[in-house]
Amino acid sequence: MVRLLHFSLDPFSRRVRLSLAEMGLAAELNEERPWEMRDAFLDMNPSGTLPVLIDQDGTVCAGVEAVGGYLDEQWPLETGSLWGTNPVVRAEVRRLVAWFDGKFHHEVTSPLLMEKVVRRFVSASQGGGAPKMNRVRSALEALRTHLAYINALAQARNLLVGDDLTVADLAAASHLSVADYLGDISWDEVPDAKAWYQRIKSRPSFRSLLADQVRGMPPSSQYSELDF
């Protein structure tokens, strides 16, 4: 069994957890708080970012792209890759994954996590304390723009890249699930995005994410609901 160092609300860890589940691979989950900067953690990934996967033979893969590529090559699916089955699809999957892991994370997930979660667990000297509401408001405004884009994609496609589940769906759902946990999404404004997210959220691979709890921070009332 592989071992995964993760934080329950880290979107990149969530994407890998979803990928593992979709591939039918069991993993031992070890929660890591990256802001604690443990020496043993930094020895495995000097950049201090999650996730980190440790294979049974001791191979260490650090970072979501390295882990995603390793899983795709080490345990290829008989039904085809989660990255797509031809160059055109793969290009679109990579474009959307880069969108969510880059632009969406920078504008939405990262500031929401920092202001609403991480500041609760670090000292004042490390930047802890009350959230900076100007950053929260900016993130929520950007979230509405991203949701409108997802809604447009979902109007034209069954899933984000055609009819088959891909890493693009997993990446998007991972980032959105963090905002959903925090209660920051008004789904009624984006009905097609909501219908797409309900389909992803209803997959067996999502069950472990819906059971996540951050100590002292219960999820929003709709977070674990499949029909919300």
Protein backbone atom coordinates (compact mmCIF):
# COMPACT_ATOMS: atom_id res chain seq x y z
CA MET A 1 0.00 0.00 0.00
CA VAL A 2 1.27 3.47 -0.86
CA ARG A 3 1.45 6.20 1.77
CA LEU A 4 0.26 9.76 1.14
CA LEU A 5 1.25 12.79 3.16
CA HIS A 6 -1.63 15.22 2.83
CA PHE A 7 -3.64 17.94 4.55
CA SER A 8 -7.38 17.40 4.44
CA LEU A 9 -8.18 20.80 2.92
CA ASP A 10 -5.20 20.98 0.58
CA PRO A 11 -6.70 20.86 -2.94
CA PHE A 12 -3.65 19.19 -4.48
CA SER A 13 -3.77 16.41 -1.89
CA ARG A 14 -7.48 16.07 -2.57
CA ARG A 15 -6.89 15.66 -6.28
CA VAL A 16 -4.42 12.83 -5.65
CA ARG A 17 -6.81 11.18 -3.17
CA LEU A 18 -9.54 11.27 -5.82
CA SER A 19 -7.17 9.88 -8.46
CA LEU A 20 -6.10 7.03 -6.20
CA ALA A 21 -9.73 6.14 -5.47
CA GLU A 22 -10.74 6.32 -9.13
CA MET A 23 -7.84 3.98 -9.95
CA GLY A 24 -8.87 1.57 -7.20
CA LEU A 25 -5.63 2.05 -5.27
CA ALA A 26 -5.66 1.95 -1.48
CA ALA A 27 -3.46 4.43 0.36
CA GLU A 28 -2.46 5.07 3.93
CA LEU A 29 -3.25 8.72 4.63
CA ASN A 30 -0.90 10.61 6.96
CA GLU A 31 -2.03 14.16 7.71
CA GLU A 32 0.71 16.76 7.45
CA ARG A 33 0.41 20.43 8.37
CA PRO A 34 2.87 22.00 5.94
CA TRP A 35 3.09 25.26 7.86
CA GLU A 36 4.78 23.34 10.73
CA MET A 37 7.75 22.68 8.38
CA ARG A 38 8.81 19.44 10.04
CA ASP A 39 12.37 18.38 9.22
CA ALA A 40 11.28 14.87 8.21
CA PHE A 41 8.73 16.36 5.82
CA LEU A 42 11.20 18.84 4.33
CA ASP A 43 13.71 16.02 3.81
CA MET A 44 11.17 14.40 1.48
CA ASN A 45 10.10 17.63 -0.21
CA PRO A 46 12.34 20.66 0.38
CA SER A 47 9.72 22.93 -1.21
CA GLY A 48 7.44 22.22 1.75
CA THR A 49 4.36 21.59 -0.41
CA LEU A 50 1.85 18.75 -0.46
CA PRO A 51 1.13 16.06 -1.43
CA VAL A 52 3.98 13.60 -1.03
CA LEU A 53 3.50 9.98 -2.05
CA ILE A 54 5.74 7.19 -0.76
CA ASP A 55 5.51 3.95 -2.71
CA GLN A 56 6.00 0.53 -1.12
CA ASP A 57 9.57 0.33 -2.44
CA GLY A 58 10.45 3.66 -0.82
CA THR A 59 10.13 5.79 -3.95
CA VAL A 60 9.17 9.35 -2.98
CA CYS A 61 7.13 11.55 -5.33
CA ALA A 62 6.72 15.14 -4.20
CA GLY A 63 4.17 17.59 -5.57
CA VAL A 64 0.87 17.08 -7.33
CA GLU A 65 2.26 16.95 -10.88
CA ALA A 66 4.99 14.45 -10.00
CA VAL A 67 2.53 12.27 -8.10
CA GLY A 68 -0.10 12.49 -10.84
CA GLY A 69 2.41 11.51 -13.52
CA TYR A 70 3.79 8.68 -11.41
CA LEU A 71 0.34 7.21 -10.81
CA ASP A 72 -0.56 7.43 -14.51
CA GLU A 73 2.62 5.63 -15.59
CA GLN A 74 2.97 3.17 -12.72
CA TRP A 75 -0.63 1.92 -12.67
CA PRO A 76 -2.15 2.51 -16.13
CA LEU A 77 -5.90 1.97 -16.30
CA GLU A 78 -7.29 -0.63 -18.69
CA THR A 79 -10.07 1.80 -19.58
CA GLY A 80 -7.61 4.57 -20.50
CA SER A 81 -5.78 7.33 -18.75
CA LEU A 82 -7.48 9.90 -16.52
CA TRP A 83 -5.45 12.38 -18.55
CA GLY A 84 -7.33 11.52 -21.74
CA THR A 85 -7.01 9.00 -24.53
CA ASN A 86 -5.72 11.14 -27.40
CA PRO A 87 -3.48 14.22 -27.81
CA VAL A 88 -6.36 16.66 -28.32
CA VAL A 89 -8.15 15.57 -25.15
CA ARG A 90 -4.91 15.47 -23.17
CA ALA A 91 -4.10 19.02 -24.25
CA GLU A 92 -7.49 20.26 -23.04
CA VAL A 93 -7.16 18.32 -19.77
CA ARG A 94 -3.73 19.86 -19.14
CA ARG A 95 -5.05 23.32 -19.98
CA LEU A 96 -7.87 23.06 -17.44
CA VAL A 97 -5.69 21.44 -14.78
CA ALA A 98 -3.23 24.31 -15.16
CA TRP A 99 -6.16 26.75 -14.90
CA PHE A 100 -7.39 25.33 -11.61
CA ASP A 101 -4.03 24.52 -10.04
CA GLY A 102 -2.60 27.86 -11.13
CA LYS A 103 -5.08 30.67 -11.64
CA PHE A 104 -7.93 29.34 -9.48
CA HIS A 105 -5.58 28.38 -6.67
CA HIS A 106 -3.78 31.72 -6.73
CA GLU A 107 -6.96 33.79 -6.83
CA VAL A 108 -9.34 31.69 -4.72
CA THR A 109 -8.19 28.58 -2.87
CA SER A 110 -4.87 29.84 -1.51
CA PRO A 111 -6.18 33.10 0.01
CA LEU A 112 -9.28 31.40 1.44
CA LEU A 113 -7.17 28.69 3.06
CA MET A 114 -4.65 31.15 4.42
CA GLU A 115 -7.16 33.62 5.80
CA LYS A 116 -9.84 31.20 7.04
CA VAL A 117 -7.81 28.16 8.05
CA VAL A 118 -4.04 28.51 8.38
CA ARG A 119 -4.16 31.74 10.41
CA ARG A 120 -6.07 29.82 13.09
CA PHE A 121 -3.20 27.40 13.62
CA VAL A 122 -0.07 29.55 13.49
CA SER A 123 1.34 32.04 15.96
CA ALA A 124 1.09 35.81 15.56
CA SER A 125 4.77 35.92 14.61
CA GLN A 126 4.02 33.48 11.78
CA GLY A 127 1.09 35.54 10.50
CA GLY A 128 -1.65 34.04 12.65
CA GLY A 129 -4.68 35.91 13.91
CA ALA A 130 -7.85 37.31 12.42
CA PRO A 131 -8.40 36.88 8.68
CA LYS A 132 -7.65 39.77 6.37
CA MET A 133 -11.13 40.40 5.06
CA ASN A 134 -9.97 42.34 2.00
CA ARG A 135 -8.22 39.16 0.79
CA VAL A 136 -11.31 37.10 1.55
CA ARG A 137 -13.56 39.49 -0.38
CA SER A 138 -11.21 39.49 -3.36
CA ALA A 139 -11.10 35.69 -3.35
CA LEU A 140 -14.89 35.44 -3.21
CA GLU A 141 -15.26 37.87 -6.11
CA ALA A 142 -12.77 35.82 -8.15
CA LEU A 143 -14.66 32.66 -7.18
CA ARG A 144 -17.84 33.99 -8.80
CA THR A 145 -15.94 34.60 -12.05
CA HIS A 146 -14.49 31.08 -12.02
CA LEU A 147 -17.87 29.55 -11.26
CA ALA A 148 -19.34 31.34 -14.26
CA TYR A 149 -16.61 29.82 -16.44
CA ILE A 150 -17.25 26.32 -15.05
CA ASN A 151 -20.96 26.86 -15.64
CA ALA A 152 -20.26 27.69 -19.30
CA LEU A 153 -18.12 24.56 -19.70
CA ALA A 154 -20.79 22.42 -18.04
CA GLN A 155 -23.47 23.80 -20.38
CA ALA A 156 -21.55 22.56 -23.40
CA ARG A 157 -20.15 19.29 -22.06
CA ASN A 158 -21.29 16.37 -19.93
CA LEU A 159 -18.04 16.61 -17.95
CA LEU A 160 -15.41 19.31 -18.20
CA VAL A 161 -13.62 17.64 -21.12
CA GLY A 162 -16.30 15.72 -22.97
CA ASP A 163 -18.06 12.57 -21.77
CA ASP A 164 -15.26 10.86 -19.83
CA LEU A 165 -14.01 11.65 -16.34
CA THR A 166 -10.55 13.22 -16.40
CA VAL A 167 -8.07 14.82 -14.05
CA ALA A 168 -9.58 18.16 -15.10
CA ASP A 169 -12.80 17.20 -13.29
CA LEU A 170 -10.84 16.00 -10.26
CA ALA A 171 -8.73 19.16 -10.09
CA ALA A 172 -11.74 21.45 -10.42
CA ALA A 173 -13.77 19.51 -7.86
CA SER A 174 -10.85 19.44 -5.43
CA HIS A 175 -10.52 23.22 -5.42
CA LEU A 176 -14.27 23.80 -5.32
CA SER A 177 -14.68 21.33 -2.47
CA VAL A 178 -12.44 23.48 -0.28
CA ALA A 179 -14.59 26.55 -0.88
CA ASP A 180 -17.67 24.36 -0.39
CA TYR A 181 -16.33 23.11 2.96
CA LEU A 182 -15.92 26.73 4.04
CA GLY A 183 -19.46 27.58 2.88
CA ASP A 184 -18.35 30.11 0.29
CA ILE A 185 -20.25 28.94 -2.81
CA SER A 186 -23.68 30.16 -3.91
CA TRP A 187 -24.59 27.23 -6.14
CA ASP A 188 -28.00 28.54 -7.18
CA GLU A 189 -26.31 31.17 -9.33
CA VAL A 190 -24.62 28.49 -11.49
CA PRO A 191 -27.09 25.63 -12.09
CA ASP A 192 -25.03 23.80 -14.73
CA ALA A 193 -21.88 23.94 -12.62
CA LYS A 194 -23.96 22.73 -9.68
CA ALA A 195 -25.30 19.74 -11.67
CA TRP A 196 -21.75 18.84 -12.78
CA TYR A 197 -20.43 19.11 -9.21
CA GLN A 198 -23.29 16.95 -7.92
CA ARG A 199 -22.28 14.22 -10.38
CA ILE A 200 -18.64 14.37 -9.27
CA LYS A 201 -19.56 14.62 -5.59
CA SER A 202 -21.78 11.52 -5.89
CA ARG A 203 -18.93 9.30 -7.11
CA PRO A 204 -17.63 6.71 -4.62
CA SER A 205 -14.16 8.29 -4.85
CA PHE A 206 -15.51 11.44 -3.17
CA ARG A 207 -16.78 9.73 -0.02
CA SER A 208 -13.57 10.05 1.99
CA LEU A 209 -13.39 13.78 1.18
CA LEU A 210 -16.94 14.30 2.42
CA ALA A 211 -15.97 12.70 5.73
CA ASP A 212 -13.09 15.15 6.31
CA GLN A 213 -13.20 17.38 9.36
CA VAL A 214 -10.72 20.05 10.42
CA ARG A 215 -10.52 20.24 14.19
CA GLY A 216 -12.53 23.20 15.45
CA MET A 217 -13.83 23.96 11.94
CA PRO A 218 -16.88 21.91 10.99
CA PRO A 219 -17.86 21.99 7.31
CA SER A 220 -20.75 23.99 5.90
CA SER A 221 -24.19 22.42 6.19
CA GLN A 222 -24.32 21.57 2.47
CA TYR A 223 -20.80 20.15 2.25
CA SER A 224 -21.67 16.48 2.76
CA GLU A 225 -25.07 16.66 1.07
CA LEU A 226 -25.32 15.03 -2.35
CA ASP A 227 -28.59 16.76 -3.19
CA PHE A 228 -27.95 20.35 -2.17
